Protein backbone atom coordinates (compact mmCIF):
# COMPACT_ATOMS: atom_id res chain seq x y z
CA MET A 1 8.39 -32.10 23.83
CA THR A 2 10.91 -29.76 22.26
CA ASP A 3 10.35 -26.03 22.06
CA ALA A 4 9.74 -24.66 18.61
CA SER A 5 12.31 -22.14 17.50
CA PRO A 6 12.17 -19.71 14.60
CA PRO A 7 13.83 -20.84 11.40
CA VAL A 8 17.44 -19.91 10.84
CA PRO A 9 18.20 -17.74 7.80
CA VAL A 10 19.72 -19.69 4.94
CA ALA A 11 22.54 -18.59 2.65
CA GLY A 12 20.16 -18.32 -0.29
CA SER A 13 18.30 -15.50 1.44
CA ARG A 14 21.11 -13.07 0.60
CA ARG A 15 20.21 -13.05 -3.08
CA ARG A 16 16.54 -12.55 -2.27
CA TYR A 17 17.42 -9.74 0.13
CA THR A 18 19.48 -8.02 -2.58
CA LEU A 19 16.58 -8.28 -5.01
CA GLY A 20 14.31 -6.81 -2.33
CA ILE A 21 16.62 -3.80 -1.96
CA VAL A 22 16.62 -3.32 -5.74
CA ALA A 23 12.80 -3.47 -5.76
CA LEU A 24 12.66 -0.95 -2.91
CA LEU A 25 14.95 1.50 -4.71
CA LEU A 26 12.82 1.15 -7.83
CA VAL A 27 9.75 1.98 -5.74
CA VAL A 28 11.40 5.15 -4.42
CA VAL A 29 12.34 6.26 -7.94
CA ILE A 30 8.93 5.40 -9.41
CA TRP A 31 6.93 7.10 -6.65
CA VAL A 32 8.93 10.32 -6.81
CA SER A 33 8.90 10.25 -10.63
CA SER A 34 5.14 9.72 -10.55
CA SER A 35 4.74 12.82 -8.40
CA PHE A 36 6.77 14.88 -10.84
CA VAL A 37 4.70 13.52 -13.74
CA MET A 38 1.47 14.61 -12.06
CA ASN A 39 3.00 17.93 -11.10
CA SER A 40 3.86 18.40 -14.77
CA ILE A 41 0.38 17.40 -15.93
CA PHE A 42 -1.20 19.93 -13.58
CA GLY A 43 1.34 22.64 -14.40
CA GLU A 44 3.17 22.60 -17.74
CA GLN A 45 0.44 20.54 -19.45
CA SER A 46 -2.30 22.77 -17.96
CA TYR A 47 -4.51 19.76 -17.24
CA ASN A 48 -5.51 20.33 -13.62
CA LYS A 49 -7.87 17.39 -13.12
CA PRO A 50 -6.77 15.65 -9.87
CA PHE A 51 -10.11 13.86 -9.40
CA LEU A 52 -10.03 12.30 -12.87
CA ILE A 53 -6.39 11.26 -12.54
CA THR A 54 -6.97 9.79 -9.07
CA TYR A 55 -10.01 7.94 -10.45
CA ILE A 56 -7.91 6.38 -13.22
CA ASN A 57 -5.03 5.59 -10.85
CA THR A 58 -7.29 3.92 -8.31
CA ALA A 59 -9.07 2.01 -11.07
CA SER A 60 -5.75 0.32 -11.89
CA PHE A 61 -6.03 -1.50 -8.54
CA SER A 62 -8.77 -3.56 -10.17
CA PHE A 63 -6.05 -5.48 -12.00
CA TYR A 64 -5.25 -7.14 -8.67
CA LEU A 65 -8.51 -9.06 -9.14
CA LEU A 66 -7.31 -10.82 -12.30
CA PRO A 67 -5.40 -13.62 -10.47
CA PHE A 68 -8.40 -14.11 -8.16
CA LEU A 69 -10.86 -14.35 -11.06
CA LEU A 70 -8.55 -16.64 -13.05
CA LYS A 71 -8.01 -18.90 -10.06
CA LYS A 72 -11.75 -19.04 -9.42
CA LYS A 73 -12.44 -19.96 -13.04
CA LEU A 74 -9.80 -22.70 -13.04
CA SER A 75 -11.10 -23.99 -9.72
CA ASN A 76 -14.62 -24.30 -11.14
CA LYS A 77 -13.30 -26.18 -14.17
CA LYS A 78 -11.31 -28.48 -11.92
CA THR A 79 -14.36 -29.21 -9.76
CA ASN A 80 -16.48 -30.02 -12.82
CA PHE A 81 -13.77 -32.34 -14.15
CA VAL A 82 -13.51 -34.21 -10.83
CA ASP A 83 -17.29 -34.61 -10.64
CA GLU A 84 -17.41 -36.00 -14.18
CA LEU A 85 -14.54 -38.36 -13.40
CA ARG A 86 -16.28 -39.70 -10.31
CA ASP A 87 -19.57 -40.16 -12.21
CA SER A 88 -17.93 -41.96 -15.13
CA VAL A 89 -15.88 -44.37 -12.99
CA PRO A 90 -18.21 -45.85 -10.32
CA ILE A 91 -16.57 -47.68 -7.48
CA GLU A 92 -17.59 -51.33 -7.29
CA ARG A 93 -18.91 -52.21 -3.87
CA ALA A 94 -18.49 -55.98 -4.21
CA GLN A 95 -14.74 -56.18 -3.84
CA SER A 96 -12.55 -58.28 -1.67
CA THR A 97 -11.30 -56.85 1.59
CA SER A 98 -7.78 -56.46 0.26
CA MET A 99 -8.93 -54.70 -2.90
CA ALA A 100 -11.19 -52.38 -0.90
CA THR A 101 -8.26 -51.47 1.27
CA ASN A 102 -6.14 -50.74 -1.78
CA ASP A 103 -8.91 -48.62 -3.29
CA GLN A 104 -9.24 -46.61 -0.10
CA GLU A 105 -5.50 -45.99 -0.03
CA ALA A 106 -5.56 -44.90 -3.66
CA LEU A 107 -8.49 -42.60 -3.09
CA GLY A 108 -6.74 -41.21 -0.04
CA GLU A 109 -3.67 -40.40 -2.11
CA THR A 110 -5.80 -38.92 -4.86
CA SER A 111 -7.62 -36.69 -2.39
CA LEU A 112 -4.34 -34.93 -1.69
CA PHE A 113 -4.40 -33.67 -5.27
CA LEU A 114 -8.11 -32.83 -5.18
CA ARG A 115 -7.84 -30.54 -2.19
CA THR A 116 -8.41 -26.88 -2.64
CA ASP A 117 -5.47 -24.54 -2.27
CA SER A 118 -6.79 -23.25 1.04
CA GLU A 119 -7.02 -26.78 2.42
CA ASN A 120 -3.46 -27.55 1.35
CA ASN A 121 -2.20 -24.31 2.89
CA GLN A 122 -3.99 -25.05 6.14
CA ALA A 123 -2.56 -28.56 6.23
CA HIS A 124 0.92 -27.12 5.64
CA ASP A 125 0.48 -24.64 8.49
CA GLU A 126 -0.76 -27.34 10.83
CA VAL A 127 2.22 -29.57 10.05
CA ASN A 128 4.76 -26.79 10.57
CA TYR A 129 3.23 -24.91 13.45
CA GLY A 130 0.97 -27.42 15.16
CA SER A 131 -2.21 -25.35 14.91
CA PRO A 132 -4.42 -23.89 12.19
CA PRO A 133 -3.69 -20.33 11.06
CA ALA A 134 -5.71 -17.38 12.31
CA ASP A 135 -9.22 -17.15 10.93
CA LYS A 136 -8.89 -15.26 7.66
CA LEU A 137 -11.55 -13.06 6.17
CA SER A 138 -13.66 -14.80 3.57
CA THR A 139 -14.01 -13.36 0.09
CA LYS A 140 -17.42 -11.98 1.02
CA GLU A 141 -16.05 -10.30 4.15
CA THR A 142 -13.15 -8.84 2.16
CA ILE A 143 -15.59 -7.41 -0.39
CA GLN A 144 -17.66 -5.82 2.39
CA LEU A 145 -14.52 -4.36 3.95
CA SER A 146 -13.41 -2.91 0.61
CA LEU A 147 -16.81 -1.30 0.14
CA THR A 148 -16.57 0.28 3.60
CA PHE A 149 -13.13 1.81 3.12
CA CYS A 150 -12.96 2.62 -0.60
CA ILE A 151 -14.19 6.21 -0.17
CA VAL A 152 -11.76 7.09 2.64
CA TRP A 153 -8.93 5.58 0.60
CA PHE A 154 -9.93 7.64 -2.44
CA LEU A 155 -10.12 10.86 -0.40
CA ALA A 156 -6.60 10.26 0.91
CA ASN A 157 -5.23 9.81 -2.60
CA TRP A 158 -7.29 12.62 -4.12
CA SER A 159 -6.10 15.13 -1.52
CA THR A 160 -2.46 14.15 -1.93
CA ASN A 161 -2.64 14.27 -5.72
CA ALA A 162 -4.44 17.61 -5.67
CA SER A 163 -1.67 19.05 -3.51
CA LEU A 164 0.75 18.51 -6.40
CA ALA A 165 -1.21 21.06 -8.44
CA TYR A 166 -0.36 23.83 -5.98
CA THR A 167 2.90 23.05 -4.19
CA THR A 168 6.24 21.42 -4.93
CA VAL A 169 6.81 17.68 -5.01
CA GLY A 170 9.21 18.03 -2.07
CA SER A 171 6.67 19.79 0.14
CA SER A 172 3.91 17.33 -0.77
CA THR A 173 6.20 14.40 -0.01
CA ILE A 174 7.37 15.81 3.32
CA LEU A 175 3.87 16.65 4.56
CA SER A 176 2.32 13.40 3.31
CA SER A 177 4.79 11.52 5.52
CA MET A 178 2.82 12.92 8.47
CA SER A 179 0.24 10.17 7.95
CA GLY A 180 2.11 7.96 10.40
CA LEU A 181 1.78 10.62 13.09
CA PHE A 182 -1.90 11.08 12.34
CA THR A 183 -2.24 7.31 12.64
CA LEU A 184 -0.54 7.48 16.03
CA GLY A 185 -2.76 10.28 17.29
CA ILE A 186 -6.04 8.79 16.05
CA GLY A 187 -5.00 5.35 17.27
CA ALA A 188 -4.30 6.73 20.74
CA MET A 189 -7.80 8.25 20.81
CA PHE A 190 -9.29 4.83 20.04
CA GLY A 191 -6.98 3.08 22.50
CA ILE A 192 -5.22 0.87 19.95
CA GLU A 193 -1.88 2.68 19.81
CA ARG A 194 0.52 2.81 22.74
CA ILE A 195 2.00 6.19 23.58
CA ASN A 196 5.50 6.57 25.00
CA GLY A 197 8.05 9.32 25.38
CA LEU A 198 9.71 8.64 22.03
CA LYS A 199 6.45 8.85 20.13
CA ILE A 200 5.41 12.06 21.87
CA ALA A 201 8.79 13.60 21.09
CA ALA A 202 8.45 12.47 17.46
CA VAL A 203 5.07 14.20 17.20
CA PHE A 204 6.40 17.52 18.52
CA ILE A 205 9.50 17.35 16.33
CA SER A 206 7.36 16.67 13.26
CA LEU A 207 4.92 19.46 14.08
CA ILE A 208 7.78 21.93 14.36
CA GLY A 209 9.14 20.66 11.05
CA VAL A 210 5.74 20.99 9.35
CA SER A 211 5.40 24.54 10.68
CA LEU A 212 8.80 25.49 9.28
CA VAL A 213 8.09 23.95 5.86
CA SER A 214 4.64 25.55 5.64
CA TYR A 215 5.97 28.94 6.74
CA ALA A 216 8.70 28.77 4.10
CA ASP A 217 6.08 27.85 1.48
CA LYS A 218 3.84 30.70 2.66
CA ASN A 219 6.65 33.17 2.04
CA ALA A 220 7.29 31.58 -1.35
CA SER A 221 3.61 31.99 -2.30
CA SER A 222 3.97 35.78 -2.03
CA LEU A 223 6.54 35.76 -4.85
CA PRO A 224 5.46 36.21 -8.49
CA ILE A 225 4.92 33.01 -10.52
CA GLU A 226 7.76 32.85 -13.03
CA SER A 227 6.64 29.83 -15.09
CA PRO A 228 3.86 27.21 -15.32
CA SER A 229 6.08 24.87 -13.30
CA SER A 230 6.20 27.27 -10.35
CA PRO A 231 3.89 26.43 -7.41
CA SER A 232 0.66 28.40 -7.86
CA ASN A 233 -0.48 28.28 -4.22
CA PRO A 234 2.04 26.49 -1.96
CA LEU A 235 0.09 27.01 1.25
CA LEU A 236 -3.08 25.47 -0.21
CA GLY A 237 -1.01 22.58 -1.53
CA ASP A 238 0.50 22.03 1.92
CA ILE A 239 -2.96 21.95 3.48
CA LEU A 240 -4.17 19.40 0.92
CA ALA A 241 -1.09 17.21 1.54
CA LEU A 242 -1.77 17.26 5.29
CA LEU A 243 -5.45 16.52 4.63
CA GLY A 244 -4.43 13.49 2.58
CA ALA A 245 -2.18 12.33 5.42
CA PHE A 246 -5.08 12.76 7.85
CA PHE A 247 -7.47 10.71 5.70
CA TYR A 248 -4.88 7.99 5.40
CA GLY A 249 -4.43 7.95 9.16
CA CYS A 250 -8.20 7.55 9.56
CA TYR A 251 -8.25 4.73 7.02
CA THR A 252 -5.39 2.93 8.73
CA ILE A 253 -6.85 3.04 12.23
CA LEU A 254 -10.40 2.16 11.20
CA LEU A 255 -9.07 -0.79 9.22
CA LYS A 256 -7.09 -1.99 12.23
CA ILE A 257 -10.20 -1.76 14.38
CA ARG A 258 -12.23 -3.78 11.90
CA ILE A 259 -9.79 -6.64 11.23
CA GLN A 260 -7.59 -6.47 14.39
CA ASP A 261 -4.87 -8.68 12.90
CA GLU A 262 -3.50 -7.81 9.46
CA SER A 263 -2.70 -11.46 8.71
CA ARG A 264 -6.44 -12.09 8.35
CA LEU A 265 -6.66 -9.89 5.26
CA ASP A 266 -5.65 -10.67 1.69
CA MET A 267 -4.31 -7.22 0.78
CA SER A 268 -4.23 -7.83 -2.99
CA LEU A 269 -7.87 -8.91 -3.00
CA PHE A 270 -8.81 -6.02 -0.71
CA PHE A 271 -7.22 -3.34 -2.89
CA GLY A 272 -8.55 -5.01 -6.02
CA PHE A 273 -12.11 -4.55 -4.81
CA VAL A 274 -11.31 -1.04 -3.53
CA GLY A 275 -10.38 -0.13 -7.10
CA ALA A 276 -13.48 -1.81 -8.53
CA PHE A 277 -15.85 -0.10 -6.07
CA ASN A 278 -14.30 3.31 -6.71
CA VAL A 279 -14.89 2.84 -10.44
CA VAL A 280 -18.54 1.87 -9.90
CA LEU A 281 -19.47 4.31 -7.12
CA LEU A 282 -17.60 7.52 -7.91
CA TRP A 283 -18.37 8.18 -11.57
CA PRO A 284 -21.43 10.37 -10.67
CA CYS A 285 -19.01 12.73 -8.89
CA PHE A 286 -17.71 13.88 -12.27
CA GLY A 287 -21.07 15.52 -12.98
CA ILE A 288 -21.30 17.04 -9.50
CA LEU A 289 -17.79 18.54 -9.63
CA HIS A 290 -18.47 19.82 -13.15
CA ALA A 291 -21.74 21.49 -12.11
CA LEU A 292 -20.11 23.12 -9.08
CA GLY A 293 -17.21 24.37 -11.15
CA ILE A 294 -14.66 22.55 -8.98
CA GLU A 295 -13.32 20.36 -11.78
CA ARG A 296 -14.76 20.61 -15.27
CA LEU A 297 -15.15 17.29 -17.05
CA GLU A 298 -12.75 17.64 -19.97
CA LEU A 299 -10.76 14.80 -21.46
CA PRO A 300 -7.11 15.38 -22.37
CA SER A 301 -6.78 17.11 -25.73
CA THR A 302 -3.43 15.57 -26.67
CA GLY A 303 -2.04 12.08 -26.88
CA ALA A 304 0.95 13.14 -24.80
CA VAL A 305 -1.22 13.92 -21.78
CA TRP A 306 -3.16 10.68 -22.22
CA GLY A 307 0.12 8.79 -22.35
CA LEU A 308 1.41 10.42 -19.16
CA ILE A 309 -1.84 9.67 -17.31
CA LEU A 310 -1.98 6.01 -18.35
CA LEU A 311 1.73 5.41 -17.71
CA ASN A 312 1.36 6.98 -14.29
CA ALA A 313 -1.57 4.69 -13.49
CA LEU A 314 0.08 1.48 -14.68
CA ILE A 315 3.67 2.12 -13.57
CA GLY A 316 3.33 4.77 -10.87
CA THR A 317 0.46 2.98 -9.16
CA PHE A 318 -0.05 -0.65 -10.12
CA LEU A 319 3.54 -1.75 -10.81
CA SER A 320 5.09 0.30 -8.01
CA ASP A 321 2.73 -1.12 -5.40
CA TYR A 322 3.50 -4.65 -6.60
CA LEU A 323 7.24 -3.93 -6.28
CA TRP A 324 6.60 -2.50 -2.83
CA LEU A 325 4.95 -5.76 -1.78
CA LEU A 326 7.90 -7.75 -3.14
CA ALA A 327 10.33 -5.51 -1.26
CA MET A 328 8.37 -6.12 1.95
CA LEU A 329 8.50 -9.89 1.43
CA MET A 330 12.17 -10.05 0.48
CA THR A 331 13.56 -7.73 3.16
CA SER A 332 11.71 -6.56 6.28
CA PRO A 333 9.37 -3.78 7.46
CA LEU A 334 12.31 -1.98 9.06
CA VAL A 335 14.28 -1.91 5.82
CA VAL A 336 11.25 -0.74 3.85
CA THR A 337 10.54 2.01 6.38
CA LEU A 338 14.07 3.34 6.22
CA GLY A 339 14.18 2.93 2.46
CA LEU A 340 10.97 4.82 1.79
CA SER A 341 12.27 7.75 3.82
CA LEU A 342 14.60 8.27 0.84
CA THR A 343 11.63 9.67 -1.07
CA ILE A 344 11.98 12.97 0.79
CA PRO A 345 15.60 13.79 -0.13
CA VAL A 346 15.05 12.38 -3.64
CA ALA A 347 12.00 14.62 -4.10
CA LEU A 348 13.90 17.67 -2.84
CA THR A 349 16.76 16.88 -5.21
CA GLY A 350 14.29 16.53 -8.08
CA ASP A 351 12.76 19.91 -7.26
CA PHE A 352 16.22 21.47 -7.41
CA VAL A 353 17.30 19.75 -10.65
CA PHE A 354 14.07 19.86 -12.68
CA LYS A 355 12.14 22.77 -11.18
CA HIS A 356 15.09 24.92 -10.08
CA VAL A 357 13.56 25.24 -6.61
CA VAL A 358 16.20 26.25 -4.08
CA PRO A 359 14.83 25.75 -0.53
CA ASN A 360 16.02 28.19 2.12
CA LEU A 361 17.63 27.19 5.40
CA GLN A 362 14.29 27.28 7.22
CA TYR A 363 12.79 24.81 4.74
CA TRP A 364 15.74 22.41 5.06
CA ALA A 365 15.53 22.53 8.86
CA GLY A 366 11.82 21.69 8.70
CA ALA A 367 12.43 18.84 6.27
CA ILE A 368 15.10 17.33 8.52
CA LEU A 369 12.81 17.55 11.57
CA VAL A 370 9.94 15.87 9.70
CA ILE A 371 12.25 13.05 8.57
CA ALA A 372 13.53 12.63 12.15
CA GLY A 373 10.00 12.45 13.52
CA PHE A 374 8.93 10.10 10.75
CA LEU A 375 11.77 7.67 11.44
CA SER A 376 11.37 7.89 15.23
CA VAL A 377 7.68 7.03 15.30
CA ASN A 378 8.15 4.17 12.83
CA MET A 379 11.15 2.75 14.67
CA ALA A 380 9.11 2.77 17.89
CA ALA A 381 6.17 1.08 16.16
CA LEU A 382 8.39 -1.54 14.55
CA SER A 383 10.03 -2.26 17.89
CA GLU A 384 6.59 -3.04 19.32
CA VAL A 385 5.83 -5.30 16.35
CA GLU A 386 9.10 -7.18 16.87
CA GLU A 387 8.33 -7.69 20.55
CA ALA A 388 4.90 -9.05 19.70
CA GLU A 389 6.35 -11.34 17.03
CA ILE A 390 8.90 -12.73 19.49
CA LEU A 391 6.24 -13.33 22.14
CA GLU A 392 4.05 -15.14 19.61
CA GLY A 393 6.97 -17.21 18.33
CA ARG A 394 6.58 -15.75 14.86
CA GLN A 395 9.20 -14.40 12.51
CA LEU A 396 9.30 -10.77 11.44
CA VAL A 397 11.70 -11.16 8.53
CA PRO A 398 10.58 -13.78 5.96
CA GLN A 399 13.11 -16.47 5.11
CA GLU A 400 11.15 -18.65 2.71
CA ASP A 401 10.86 -18.20 -1.01
CA PRO A 402 8.34 -15.36 -1.44
CA LEU A 403 6.86 -17.10 -4.45
CA GLU A 404 5.92 -20.01 -2.22
CA THR A 405 4.71 -17.96 0.71
CA SER A 406 1.29 -16.39 1.03
CA LEU A 407 1.46 -12.62 0.94
CA GLU A 408 -1.10 -11.97 3.60
CA SER A 409 0.69 -14.10 6.20
CA ARG A 410 3.75 -11.90 5.89
CA HIS A 411 2.05 -8.51 5.73
CA ILE A 412 3.23 -6.49 8.72
CA ILE A 413 1.36 -3.34 9.73
CA TYR A 414 3.28 -0.42 11.03
CA ASN A 415 2.88 3.33 11.06
CA GLN A 416 4.36 4.82 7.99
CA ASN A 417 3.21 6.83 5.06
CA ILE A 418 4.86 8.62 2.23
CA PRO A 419 3.15 10.09 -0.81
CA LYS A 420 2.94 8.21 -3.92
CA GLY A 421 0.67 9.81 -6.42
CA SER A 422 -1.89 7.23 -6.78
CA GLN A 423 0.06 4.55 -5.83
CA ASN A 424 -1.35 6.33 -3.76
CA SER A 425 -1.55 1.67 -2.71
CA LEU A 426 -1.15 4.12 -1.23
CA ASN A 427 1.00 8.81 -3.56
CA SER A 428 3.89 10.78 -4.26
CA THR A 429 6.15 8.57 -2.37
CA GLY A 430 4.65 5.90 -0.36
CA SER A 431 2.16 2.82 -1.35
CA TYR A 432 0.05 4.18 1.27
CA HIS A 433 0.84 -0.06 0.41
CA SER A 434 0.81 -1.73 3.97
CA MET A 435 -2.08 -0.84 6.06
CA ASP A 436 0.27 1.67 7.62
CA GLN A 437 2.79 1.79 4.99
CA THR A 438 1.22 3.13 1.95
CA THR A 439 1.02 6.59 0.73
CA PRO A 440 -1.96 8.02 -1.05
CA ARG A 441 -1.77 8.39 -4.75
């Protein structure tokens, strides 16, 4: 018996890898742009409705259910057609032995085409790997899981989006990236995250960085507001961004506890039902928030604001998360982690160019420390994933055509989070879109 070895990368993978990098860069640009759009809606457009905007953004996840519903409808039609075909062409029992044998062979060949997709996929896995794939969650189990986590997911995105009404995009992006460290801390409490010296150092470095950024924002909040685009309450915005990161950390760890292995979950189906449940369950909150005076229920008064909100939902959330998934498939978790860290310097540059925000030295030092801690904890987590993949004889970096490979089998969980605005799918920068790699939007 020969030992199975991981597949060797083929030359054609270079083109796919390049496309993955392009998709990743588009994600960075879209997520940061989405944060600036929301910051503008809350500020210059004077439409400070983070709950409504998060509700619309999260509702866009429901579009992920369209392929599932279409496939289910086609599957039902196919089943009805096969049943009618079998009823209309009865098999004669009184046949010669040779003809019966031929009929059985023909039926056997036909059955290959009548299999369901899941049966074909399982057969493919058994041929290539010698054993059936891990037990995946059924559609019913995925629906139940989505119902359990939809509220925590919404709170993470709502908090992050609300922070953009009070602080700069750069500060929100930097502090939202703390979700990975919250994931590490909460995971250690539940005994599902390993702690080592590098991770502990990353936590302390990040905490120092957060303190410096928050202190710089606190000093900035004492200055007079010069224009509608100026942060109205930077310290409150920083707290909301950290709260969003905390909720995302809770969501990530609880999800890991429930499903144990991310390959068991169809992420597109999961987020599709998360969006659907948020639409159905959270609409009464509009009345509650209106009655309490927290957020008055008022629809946008201009078409421009409506356009910004809908574009942000469709492009900043739905499309960006889809591109994020493609980038993950075409490159690797390591590349995506490093690439999404670009959201921080891009956001700071955007603040300088569009908002004329000039951070002081203290702010820059804090930002650099947060980035260093962010990269350190994710590099450590990815190293553990790689070790586990090697021990299990699996491959971390996909080499097959992503269009022919199931998404869930290649979804790698690791600790990372950057804001994305609603894509936050996690957001202001990050698809809070792997179980650990998405940023609330």
